[in-house]
Structure formats: C-alpha cells, structure tokens
Amino acid sequence: MTTNHLERLDPALIRPGRIDVAELIDDASPSQTRKLFLRFYAGERDEAELERAANEIAQLVEENAAKGRRISMAALQGHFIRHRIDTVAQSKGELFP
C-alpha cells in the first residue's frame, strides 16, 4: 500500500498486523542524485569528467532544495533517459522549470 497522506488513512487500515513496515520514499538528495548520475552514465566518459558532471547535477539539486524545490528519483531517471551525457548538462534547466 502506498500513500502520500498517511494521516488521512483510516486507523483500521494501518493497525499492527496489516501494515508492519512503513518506509518513507522521499525526494532525491544531492548524494542520491550524484550516485544515480554516476551509475547511469558509467563508461560514457572518463572518470574525472563524470565526477565533475555528477557533482554539478548534485549541486543543482542541493541549491533548489534550499529554495524548497525538490525532485523525485523517478524524475531524475526520466531526465537521464531522455538526455545523453552530451546534453544532460545543457538540459539541466528542465529539471526545475
């Protein structure tokens, strides 16, 4: 079962025995962003260039999080799927329109 509003669920639905584990799947942290980027584009460029680009994307996520703008891991993955390593840096404005 998934929900964005646990507090709205009827207590009978979330009593012990029905829901034994609750996991928060939150938005992407800068560290998670960096790791996802490195895994996604592994082997596309030399390691130093990948590290630089991964840190740039992670910094973008951190800066926007400080402004209250967050992004999900699914949105990041979708962005990486749509953009090759050559265009991902130029298209980073699409992450936080």
PDB file of N, CA and C in Angstrom:
ATOM      1  N   MET A   1       0.852  -1.161   0.000  1.00  0.00           N
ATOM      2  CA  MET A   1       0.000   0.000   0.000  1.00  0.00           C
ATOM      3  C   MET A   1       0.904   1.231   0.000  1.00  0.00           C
ATOM      4  N   THR A   2       0.553   2.226  -0.770  1.00  0.00           N
ATOM      5  CA  THR A   2       1.298   3.479  -0.770  1.00  0.00           C
ATOM      6  C   THR A   2       0.332   4.632  -0.558  1.00  0.00           C
ATOM      7  N   THR A   3       0.835   5.687   0.024  1.00  0.00           N
ATOM      8  CA  THR A   3       0.035   6.885   0.218  1.00  0.00           C
ATOM      9  C   THR A   3       0.958   8.086   0.382  1.00  0.00           C
ATOM     10  N   ASN A   4       0.467   9.209  -0.011  1.00  0.00           N
ATOM     11  CA  ASN A   4       1.167  10.467   0.238  1.00  0.00           C
ATOM     12  C   ASN A   4       0.671  11.120   1.519  1.00  0.00           C
ATOM     13  N   HIS A   5      -0.413  10.575   2.086  1.00  0.00           N
ATOM     14  CA  HIS A   5      -1.034  11.186   3.265  1.00  0.00           C
ATOM     15  C   HIS A   5      -1.428  10.110   4.272  1.00  0.00           C
ATOM     16  N   LEU A   6      -0.455   9.590   4.977  1.00  0.00           N
ATOM     17  CA  LEU A   6      -0.693   8.547   5.970  1.00  0.00           C
ATOM     18  C   LEU A   6      -1.730   8.977   7.004  1.00  0.00           C
ATOM     19  N   GLU A   7      -1.703  10.249   7.362  1.00  0.00           N
ATOM     20  CA  GLU A   7      -2.616  10.759   8.387  1.00  0.00           C
ATOM     21  C   GLU A   7      -4.082  10.701   7.964  1.00  0.00           C
ATOM     22  N   ARG A   8      -4.362  10.577   6.681  1.00  0.00           N
ATOM     23  CA  ARG A   8      -5.738  10.533   6.186  1.00  0.00           C
ATOM     24  C   ARG A   8      -6.322   9.112   6.147  1.00  0.00           C
ATOM     25  N   LEU A   9      -5.476   8.115   6.318  1.00  0.00           N
ATOM     26  CA  LEU A   9      -5.954   6.735   6.249  1.00  0.00           C
ATOM     27  C   LEU A   9      -6.700   6.355   7.514  1.00  0.00           C
ATOM     28  N   ASP A  10      -7.714   5.537   7.347  1.00  0.00           N
ATOM     29  CA  ASP A  10      -8.476   5.014   8.475  1.00  0.00           C
ATOM     30  C   ASP A  10      -7.541   4.183   9.345  1.00  0.00           C
ATOM     31  N   PRO A  11      -7.562   4.380  10.664  1.00  0.00           N
ATOM     32  CA  PRO A  11      -6.680   3.615  11.555  1.00  0.00           C
ATOM     33  C   PRO A  11      -6.814   2.101  11.390  1.00  0.00           C
ATOM     34  N   ALA A  12      -7.985   1.601  10.978  1.00  0.00           N
ATOM     35  CA  ALA A  12      -8.162   0.165  10.778  1.00  0.00           C
ATOM     36  C   ALA A  12      -7.279  -0.346   9.645  1.00  0.00           C
ATOM     37  N   LEU A  13      -6.956   0.516   8.701  1.00  0.00           N
ATOM     38  CA  LEU A  13      -6.110   0.103   7.586  1.00  0.00           C
ATOM     39  C   LEU A  13      -4.642  -0.018   7.961  1.00  0.00           C
ATOM     40  N   ILE A  14      -4.239   0.756   8.956  1.00  0.00           N
ATOM     41  CA  ILE A  14      -2.808   0.808   9.280  1.00  0.00           C
ATOM     42  C   ILE A  14      -2.485   0.228  10.661  1.00  0.00           C
ATOM     43  N   ARG A  15      -3.421  -0.545  11.186  1.00  0.00           N
ATOM     44  CA  ARG A  15      -3.180  -1.150  12.500  1.00  0.00           C
ATOM     45  C   ARG A  15      -2.115  -2.234  12.400  1.00  0.00           C
ATOM     46  N   PRO A  16      -1.475  -2.570  13.530  1.00  0.00           N
ATOM     47  CA  PRO A  16      -0.489  -3.658  13.525  1.00  0.00           C
ATOM     48  C   PRO A  16      -1.113  -4.943  12.981  1.00  0.00           C
ATOM     49  N   GLY A  17      -0.371  -5.641  12.185  1.00  0.00           N
ATOM     50  CA  GLY A  17      -0.865  -6.849  11.554  1.00  0.00           C
ATOM     51  C   GLY A  17      -1.279  -6.600  10.112  1.00  0.00           C
ATOM     52  N   ARG A  18      -1.651  -5.393   9.819  1.00  0.00           N
ATOM     53  CA  ARG A  18      -1.977  -5.034   8.430  1.00  0.00           C
ATOM     54  C   ARG A  18      -0.794  -4.329   7.785  1.00  0.00           C
ATOM     55  N   ILE A  19      -0.280  -3.357   8.478  1.00  0.00           N
ATOM     56  CA  ILE A  19       0.887  -2.616   7.999  1.00  0.00           C
ATOM     57  C   ILE A  19       1.976  -2.801   9.041  1.00  0.00           C
ATOM     58  N   ASP A  20       2.963  -3.600   8.709  1.00  0.00           N
ATOM     59  CA  ASP A  20       4.027  -3.895   9.663  1.00  0.00           C
ATOM     60  C   ASP A  20       5.270  -3.038   9.436  1.00  0.00           C
ATOM     61  N   VAL A  21       5.412  -2.509   8.239  1.00  0.00           N
ATOM     62  CA  VAL A  21       6.589  -1.715   7.918  1.00  0.00           C
ATOM     63  C   VAL A  21       6.130  -0.447   7.205  1.00  0.00           C
ATOM     64  N   ALA A  22       6.653   0.665   7.642  1.00  0.00           N
ATOM     65  CA  ALA A  22       6.372   1.935   6.966  1.00  0.00           C
ATOM     66  C   ALA A  22       7.704   2.509   6.493  1.00  0.00           C
ATOM     67  N   GLU A  23       7.803   2.797   5.219  1.00  0.00           N
ATOM     68  CA  GLU A  23       9.027   3.336   4.632  1.00  0.00           C
ATOM     69  C   GLU A  23       8.723   4.669   3.971  1.00  0.00           C
ATOM     70  N   LEU A  24       9.536   5.640   4.240  1.00  0.00           N
ATOM     71  CA  LEU A  24       9.421   6.933   3.574  1.00  0.00           C
ATOM     72  C   LEU A  24      10.275   6.902   2.313  1.00  0.00           C
ATOM     73  N   ILE A  25       9.643   7.117   1.185  1.00  0.00           N
ATOM     74  CA  ILE A  25      10.368   7.227  -0.079  1.00  0.00           C
ATOM     75  C   ILE A  25      10.310   8.702  -0.447  1.00  0.00           C
ATOM     76  N   ASP A  26      11.353   9.389  -0.087  1.00  0.00           N
ATOM     77  CA  ASP A  26      11.376  10.844  -0.208  1.00  0.00           C
ATOM     78  C   ASP A  26      11.996  11.270  -1.535  1.00  0.00           C
ATOM     79  N   ASP A  27      12.066  12.562  -1.721  1.00  0.00           N
ATOM     80  CA  ASP A  27      12.685  13.098  -2.923  1.00  0.00           C
ATOM     81  C   ASP A  27      14.194  12.896  -2.885  1.00  0.00           C
ATOM     82  N   ALA A  28      14.820  13.149  -4.011  1.00  0.00           N
ATOM     83  CA  ALA A  28      16.248  12.890  -4.170  1.00  0.00           C
ATOM     84  C   ALA A  28      17.105  13.852  -3.347  1.00  0.00           C
ATOM     85  N   SER A  29      18.097  13.305  -2.701  1.00  0.00           N
ATOM     86  CA  SER A  29      19.102  14.125  -2.022  1.00  0.00           C
ATOM     87  C   SER A  29      20.232  14.375  -3.020  1.00  0.00           C
ATOM     88  N   PRO A  30      21.078  15.355  -2.759  1.00  0.00           N
ATOM     89  CA  PRO A  30      22.227  15.563  -3.649  1.00  0.00           C
ATOM     90  C   PRO A  30      23.099  14.313  -3.776  1.00  0.00           C
ATOM     91  N   SER A  31      23.294  13.588  -2.684  1.00  0.00           N
ATOM     92  CA  SER A  31      24.110  12.377  -2.709  1.00  0.00           C
ATOM     93  C   SER A  31      23.477  11.303  -3.591  1.00  0.00           C
ATOM     94  N   GLN A  32      22.174  11.110  -3.466  1.00  0.00           N
ATOM     95  CA  GLN A  32      21.484  10.135  -4.301  1.00  0.00           C
ATOM     96  C   GLN A  32      21.537  10.540  -5.768  1.00  0.00           C
ATOM     97  N   THR A  33      21.404  11.832  -6.026  1.00  0.00           N
ATOM     98  CA  THR A  33      21.465  12.348  -7.397  1.00  0.00           C
ATOM     99  C   THR A  33      22.817  12.030  -8.013  1.00  0.00           C
ATOM    100  N   ARG A  34      23.852  12.296  -7.262  1.00  0.00           N
ATOM    101  CA  ARG A  34      25.209  12.047  -7.740  1.00  0.00           C
ATOM    102  C   ARG A  34      25.417  10.564  -8.055  1.00  0.00           C
ATOM    103  N   LYS A  35      24.993   9.688  -7.132  1.00  0.00           N
ATOM    104  CA  LYS A  35      25.161   8.246  -7.328  1.00  0.00           C
ATOM    105  C   LYS A  35      24.370   7.756  -8.545  1.00  0.00           C
ATOM    106  N   LEU A  36      23.144   8.238  -8.693  1.00  0.00           N
ATOM    107  CA  LEU A  36      22.325   7.836  -9.835  1.00  0.00           C
ATOM    108  C   LEU A  36      22.982   8.270 -11.139  1.00  0.00           C
ATOM    109  N   PHE A  37      23.478   9.498 -11.171  1.00  0.00           N
ATOM    110  CA  PHE A  37      24.145  10.004 -12.365  1.00  0.00           C
ATOM    111  C   PHE A  37      25.346   9.135 -12.726  1.00  0.00           C
ATOM    112  N   LEU A  38      26.179   8.826 -11.744  1.00  0.00           N
ATOM    113  CA  LEU A  38      27.383   8.024 -11.999  1.00  0.00           C
ATOM    114  C   LEU A  38      27.042   6.608 -12.476  1.00  0.00           C
ATOM    115  N   ARG A  39      25.997   6.022 -11.907  1.00  0.00           N
ATOM    116  CA  ARG A  39      25.582   4.689 -12.350  1.00  0.00           C
ATOM    117  C   ARG A  39      24.998   4.737 -13.763  1.00  0.00           C
ATOM    118  N   PHE A  40      24.208   5.760 -14.011  1.00  0.00           N
ATOM    119  CA  PHE A  40      23.517   5.859 -15.289  1.00  0.00           C
ATOM    120  C   PHE A  40      24.482   6.078 -16.447  1.00  0.00           C
ATOM    121  N   TYR A  41      25.489   6.916 -16.237  1.00  0.00           N
ATOM    122  CA  TYR A  41      26.405   7.279 -17.314  1.00  0.00           C
ATOM    123  C   TYR A  41      27.781   6.610 -17.204  1.00  0.00           C
ATOM    124  N   ALA A  42      27.896   5.591 -16.389  1.00  0.00           N
ATOM    125  CA  ALA A  42      29.173   4.880 -16.235  1.00  0.00           C
ATOM    126  C   ALA A  42      29.692   4.422 -17.592  1.00  0.00           C
ATOM    127  N   GLY A  43      30.967   4.706 -17.833  1.00  0.00           N
ATOM    128  CA  GLY A  43      31.605   4.280 -19.070  1.00  0.00           C
ATOM    129  C   GLY A  43      31.399   5.225 -20.246  1.00  0.00           C
ATOM    130  N   GLU A  44      30.585   6.262 -20.064  1.00  0.00           N
ATOM    131  CA  GLU A  44      30.315   7.204 -21.160  1.00  0.00           C
ATOM    132  C   GLU A  44      31.464   8.200 -21.359  1.00  0.00           C
ATOM    133  N   ARG A  45      32.158   8.522 -20.300  1.00  0.00           N
ATOM    134  CA  ARG A  45      33.269   9.479 -20.337  1.00  0.00           C
ATOM    135  C   ARG A  45      34.331   9.013 -19.352  1.00  0.00           C
ATOM    136  N   ASP A  46      35.459   9.735 -19.327  1.00  0.00           N
ATOM    137  CA  ASP A  46      36.474   9.370 -18.338  1.00  0.00           C
ATOM    138  C   ASP A  46      35.949   9.725 -16.949  1.00  0.00           C
ATOM    139  N   GLU A  47      36.520   9.075 -15.969  1.00  0.00           N
ATOM    140  CA  GLU A  47      36.015   9.181 -14.604  1.00  0.00           C
ATOM    141  C   GLU A  47      36.015  10.615 -14.074  1.00  0.00           C
ATOM    142  N   ALA A  48      37.044  11.380 -14.360  1.00  0.00           N
ATOM    143  CA  ALA A  48      37.127  12.763 -13.872  1.00  0.00           C
ATOM    144  C   ALA A  48      35.993  13.616 -14.445  1.00  0.00           C
ATOM    145  N   GLU A  49      35.700  13.439 -15.720  1.00  0.00           N
ATOM    146  CA  GLU A  49      34.625  14.210 -16.352  1.00  0.00           C
ATOM    147  C   GLU A  49      33.259  13.808 -15.787  1.00  0.00           C
ATOM    148  N   LEU A  50      33.070  12.505 -15.559  1.00  0.00           N
ATOM    149  CA  LEU A  50      31.820  12.038 -14.959  1.00  0.00           C
ATOM    150  C   LEU A  50      31.638  12.597 -13.554  1.00  0.00           C
ATOM    151  N   GLU A  51      32.708  12.585 -12.768  1.00  0.00           N
ATOM    152  CA  GLU A  51      32.648  13.124 -11.407  1.00  0.00           C
ATOM    153  C   GLU A  51      32.270  14.603 -11.417  1.00  0.00           C
ATOM    154  N   ARG A  52      32.882  15.355 -12.326  1.00  0.00           N
ATOM    155  CA  ARG A  52      32.589  16.787 -12.418  1.00  0.00           C
ATOM    156  C   ARG A  52      31.116  17.016 -12.758  1.00  0.00           C
ATOM    157  N   ALA A  53      30.611  16.294 -13.756  1.00  0.00           N
ATOM    158  CA  ALA A  53      29.213  16.446 -14.168  1.00  0.00           C
ATOM    159  C   ALA A  53      28.257  15.986 -13.067  1.00  0.00           C
ATOM    160  N   ALA A  54      28.587  14.880 -12.390  1.00  0.00           N
ATOM    161  CA  ALA A  54      27.744  14.377 -11.305  1.00  0.00           C
ATOM    162  C   ALA A  54      27.674  15.386 -10.161  1.00  0.00           C
ATOM    163  N   ASN A  55      28.801  15.993  -9.834  1.00  0.00           N
ATOM    164  CA  ASN A  55      28.816  16.999  -8.769  1.00  0.00           C
ATOM    165  C   ASN A  55      28.018  18.238  -9.166  1.00  0.00           C
ATOM    166  N   GLU A  56      28.063  18.590 -10.444  1.00  0.00           N
ATOM    167  CA  GLU A  56      27.303  19.745 -10.932  1.00  0.00           C
ATOM    168  C   GLU A  56      25.795  19.511 -10.797  1.00  0.00           C
ATOM    169  N   ILE A  57      25.340  18.327 -11.177  1.00  0.00           N
ATOM    170  CA  ILE A  57      23.913  17.998 -11.065  1.00  0.00           C
ATOM    171  C   ILE A  57      23.507  17.919  -9.589  1.00  0.00           C
ATOM    172  N   ALA A  58      24.354  17.320  -8.754  1.00  0.00           N
ATOM    173  CA  ALA A  58      24.059  17.221  -7.320  1.00  0.00           C
ATOM    174  C   ALA A  58      23.969  18.608  -6.693  1.00  0.00           C
ATOM    175  N   GLN A  59      24.851  19.509  -7.104  1.00  0.00           N
ATOM    176  CA  GLN A  59      24.821  20.879  -6.586  1.00  0.00           C
ATOM    177  C   GLN A  59      23.534  21.581  -7.001  1.00  0.00           C
ATOM    178  N   LEU A  60      23.078  21.339  -8.220  1.00  0.00           N
ATOM    179  CA  LEU A  60      21.821  21.919  -8.687  1.00  0.00           C
ATOM    180  C   LEU A  60      20.653  21.453  -7.819  1.00  0.00           C
ATOM    181  N   VAL A  61      20.624  20.170  -7.491  1.00  0.00           N
ATOM    182  CA  VAL A  61      19.574  19.630  -6.628  1.00  0.00           C
ATOM    183  C   VAL A  61      19.654  20.255  -5.242  1.00  0.00           C
ATOM    184  N   GLU A  62      20.864  20.396  -4.721  1.00  0.00           N
ATOM    185  CA  GLU A  62      21.047  20.990  -3.391  1.00  0.00           C
ATOM    186  C   GLU A  62      20.587  22.452  -3.365  1.00  0.00           C
ATOM    187  N   GLU A  63      20.963  23.222  -4.374  1.00  0.00           N
ATOM    188  CA  GLU A  63      20.574  24.633  -4.443  1.00  0.00           C
ATOM    189  C   GLU A  63      19.052  24.787  -4.526  1.00  0.00           C
ATOM    190  N   ASN A  64      18.414  23.942  -5.314  1.00  0.00           N
ATOM    191  CA  ASN A  64      16.965  24.029  -5.449  1.00  0.00           C
ATOM    192  C   ASN A  64      16.253  23.539  -4.203  1.00  0.00           C
ATOM    193  N   ALA A  65      16.809  22.543  -3.525  1.00  0.00           N
ATOM    194  CA  ALA A  65      16.221  22.065  -2.276  1.00  0.00           C
ATOM    195  C   ALA A  65      16.239  23.170  -1.226  1.00  0.00           C
ATOM    196  N   ALA A  66      17.291  23.981  -1.225  1.00  0.00           N
ATOM    197  CA  ALA A  66      17.380  25.103  -0.283  1.00  0.00           C
ATOM    198  C   ALA A  66      16.287  26.141  -0.551  1.00  0.00           C
ATOM    199  N   LYS A  67      15.798  26.170  -1.783  1.00  0.00           N
ATOM    200  CA  LYS A  67      14.715  27.089  -2.163  1.00  0.00           C
ATOM    201  C   LYS A  67      13.342  26.429  -2.034  1.00  0.00           C
ATOM    202  N   GLY A  68      13.322  25.194  -1.518  1.00  0.00           N
ATOM    203  CA  GLY A  68      12.067  24.477  -1.349  1.00  0.00           C
ATOM    204  C   GLY A  68      11.596  23.749  -2.593  1.00  0.00           C
ATOM    205  N   ARG A  69      12.450  23.641  -3.588  1.00  0.00           N
ATOM    206  CA  ARG A  69      12.106  22.950  -4.832  1.00  0.00           C
ATOM    207  C   ARG A  69      12.795  21.596  -4.826  1.00  0.00           C
ATOM    208  N   ARG A  70      11.990  20.534  -4.870  1.00  0.00           N
ATOM    209  CA  ARG A  70      12.534  19.189  -4.762  1.00  0.00           C
ATOM    210  C   ARG A  70      12.238  18.402  -6.028  1.00  0.00           C
ATOM    211  N   ILE A  71      12.939  17.292  -6.190  1.00  0.00           N
ATOM    212  CA  ILE A  71      12.756  16.444  -7.364  1.00  0.00           C
ATOM    213  C   ILE A  71      12.820  14.982  -6.938  1.00  0.00           C
ATOM    214  N   SER A  72      12.011  14.166  -7.574  1.00  0.00           N
ATOM    215  CA  SER A  72      11.992  12.742  -7.235  1.00  0.00           C
ATOM    216  C   SER A  72      13.095  12.000  -7.984  1.00  0.00           C
ATOM    217  N   MET A  73      13.425  10.830  -7.490  1.00  0.00           N
ATOM    218  CA  MET A  73      14.396   9.981  -8.172  1.00  0.00           C
ATOM    219  C   MET A  73      13.846   9.560  -9.536  1.00  0.00           C
ATOM    220  N   ALA A  74      12.533   9.343  -9.611  1.00  0.00           N
ATOM    221  CA  ALA A  74      11.922   8.956 -10.885  1.00  0.00           C
ATOM    222  C   ALA A  74      12.056  10.071 -11.916  1.00  0.00           C
ATOM    223  N   ALA A  75      11.887  11.317 -11.492  1.00  0.00           N
ATOM    224  CA  ALA A  75      12.040  12.439 -12.418  1.00  0.00           C
ATOM    225  C   ALA A  75      13.484  12.558 -12.899  1.00  0.00           C
ATOM    226  N   LEU A  76      14.423  12.342 -11.992  1.00  0.00           N
ATOM    227  CA  LEU A  76      15.837  12.363 -12.389  1.00  0.00           C
ATOM    228  C   LEU A  76      16.140  11.257 -13.390  1.00  0.00           C
ATOM    229  N   GLN A  77      15.663  10.049 -13.109  1.00  0.00           N
ATOM    230  CA  GLN A  77      15.907   8.938 -14.017  1.00  0.00           C
ATOM    231  C   GLN A  77      15.300   9.234 -15.388  1.00  0.00           C
ATOM    232  N   GLY A  78      14.099   9.766 -15.410  1.00  0.00           N
ATOM    233  CA  GLY A  78      13.470  10.114 -16.678  1.00  0.00           C
ATOM    234  C   GLY A  78      14.287  11.130 -17.448  1.00  0.00           C
ATOM    235  N   HIS A  79      14.835  12.098 -16.744  1.00  0.00           N
ATOM    236  CA  HIS A  79      15.683  13.113 -17.376  1.00  0.00           C
ATOM    237  C   HIS A  79      16.938  12.470 -17.965  1.00  0.00           C
ATOM    238  N   PHE A  80      17.542  11.578 -17.217  1.00  0.00           N
ATOM    239  CA  PHE A  80      18.752  10.911 -17.698  1.00  0.00           C
ATOM    240  C   PHE A  80      18.446  10.009 -18.899  1.00  0.00           C
ATOM    241  N   ILE A  81      17.277   9.391 -18.911  1.00  0.00           N
ATOM    242  CA  ILE A  81      16.889   8.554 -20.048  1.00  0.00           C
ATOM    243  C   ILE A  81      16.716   9.409 -21.304  1.00  0.00           C
ATOM    244  N   ARG A  82      16.114  10.587 -21.143  1.00  0.00           N
ATOM    245  CA  ARG A  82      15.846  11.455 -22.296  1.00  0.00           C
ATOM    246  C   ARG A  82      17.084  12.153 -22.828  1.00  0.00           C
ATOM    247  N   HIS A  83      18.122  12.267 -22.010  1.00  0.00           N
ATOM    248  CA  HIS A  83      19.295  13.039 -22.411  1.00  0.00           C
ATOM    249  C   HIS A  83      20.566  12.206 -22.341  1.00  0.00           C
ATOM    250  N   ARG A  84      21.276  12.226 -23.421  1.00  0.00           N
ATOM    251  CA  ARG A  84      22.585  11.576 -23.446  1.00  0.00           C
ATOM    252  C   ARG A  84      23.550  12.386 -22.589  1.00  0.00           C
ATOM    253  N   ILE A  85      24.673  11.829 -22.299  1.00  0.00           N
ATOM    254  CA  ILE A  85      25.684  12.515 -21.489  1.00  0.00           C
ATOM    255  C   ILE A  85      26.075  13.849 -22.111  1.00  0.00           C
ATOM    256  N   ASP A  86      26.028  13.923 -23.434  1.00  0.00           N
ATOM    257  CA  ASP A  86      26.411  15.156 -24.132  1.00  0.00           C
ATOM    258  C   ASP A  86      25.448  16.308 -23.866  1.00  0.00           C
ATOM    259  N   THR A  87      24.179  16.006 -23.612  1.00  0.00           N
ATOM    260  CA  THR A  87      23.177  17.065 -23.475  1.00  0.00           C
ATOM    261  C   THR A  87      22.620  17.217 -22.069  1.00  0.00           C
ATOM    262  N   VAL A  88      22.987  16.329 -21.162  1.00  0.00           N
ATOM    263  CA  VAL A  88      22.386  16.382 -19.830  1.00  0.00           C
ATOM    264  C   VAL A  88      22.741  17.681 -19.098  1.00  0.00           C
ATOM    265  N   ALA A  89      23.944  18.173 -19.241  1.00  0.00           N
ATOM    266  CA  ALA A  89      24.327  19.417 -18.555  1.00  0.00           C
ATOM    267  C   ALA A  89      23.581  20.615 -19.126  1.00  0.00           C
ATOM    268  N   GLN A  90      23.448  20.655 -20.457  1.00  0.00           N
ATOM    269  CA  GLN A  90      22.756  21.779 -21.083  1.00  0.00           C
ATOM    270  C   GLN A  90      21.253  21.753 -20.785  1.00  0.00           C
ATOM    271  N   SER A  91      20.712  20.588 -20.520  1.00  0.00           N
ATOM    272  CA  SER A  91      19.272  20.456 -20.308  1.00  0.00           C
ATOM    273  C   SER A  91      18.885  20.483 -18.828  1.00  0.00           C
ATOM    274  N   LYS A  92      19.812  20.783 -17.957  1.00  0.00           N
ATOM    275  CA  LYS A  92      19.518  20.730 -16.520  1.00  0.00           C
ATOM    276  C   LYS A  92      18.443  21.726 -16.114  1.00  0.00           C
ATOM    277  N   GLY A  93      18.231  22.765 -16.913  1.00  0.00           N
ATOM    278  CA  GLY A  93      17.153  23.713 -16.617  1.00  0.00           C
ATOM    279  C   GLY A  93      15.779  23.072 -16.660  1.00  0.00           C
ATOM    280  N   GLU A  94      15.663  21.941 -17.364  1.00  0.00           N
ATOM    281  CA  GLU A  94      14.392  21.220 -17.441  1.00  0.00           C
ATOM    282  C   GLU A  94      14.047  20.522 -16.119  1.00  0.00           C
ATOM    283  N   LEU A  95      15.033  20.299 -15.282  1.00  0.00           N
ATOM    284  CA  LEU A  95      14.778  19.609 -14.004  1.00  0.00           C
ATOM    285  C   LEU A  95      13.946  20.464 -13.065  1.00  0.00           C
ATOM    286  N   PHE A  96      14.166  21.762 -13.093  1.00  0.00           N
ATOM    287  CA  PHE A  96      13.438  22.686 -12.219  1.00  0.00           C
ATOM    288  C   PHE A  96      12.929  23.840 -13.068  1.00  0.00           C
ATOM    289  N   PRO A  97      11.881  23.600 -13.842  1.00  0.00           N
ATOM    290  CA  PRO A  97      11.377  24.655 -14.743  1.00  0.00           C
ATOM    291  C   PRO A  97      10.789  25.847 -13.995  1.00  0.00           C
TER     292      PRO A  97
END
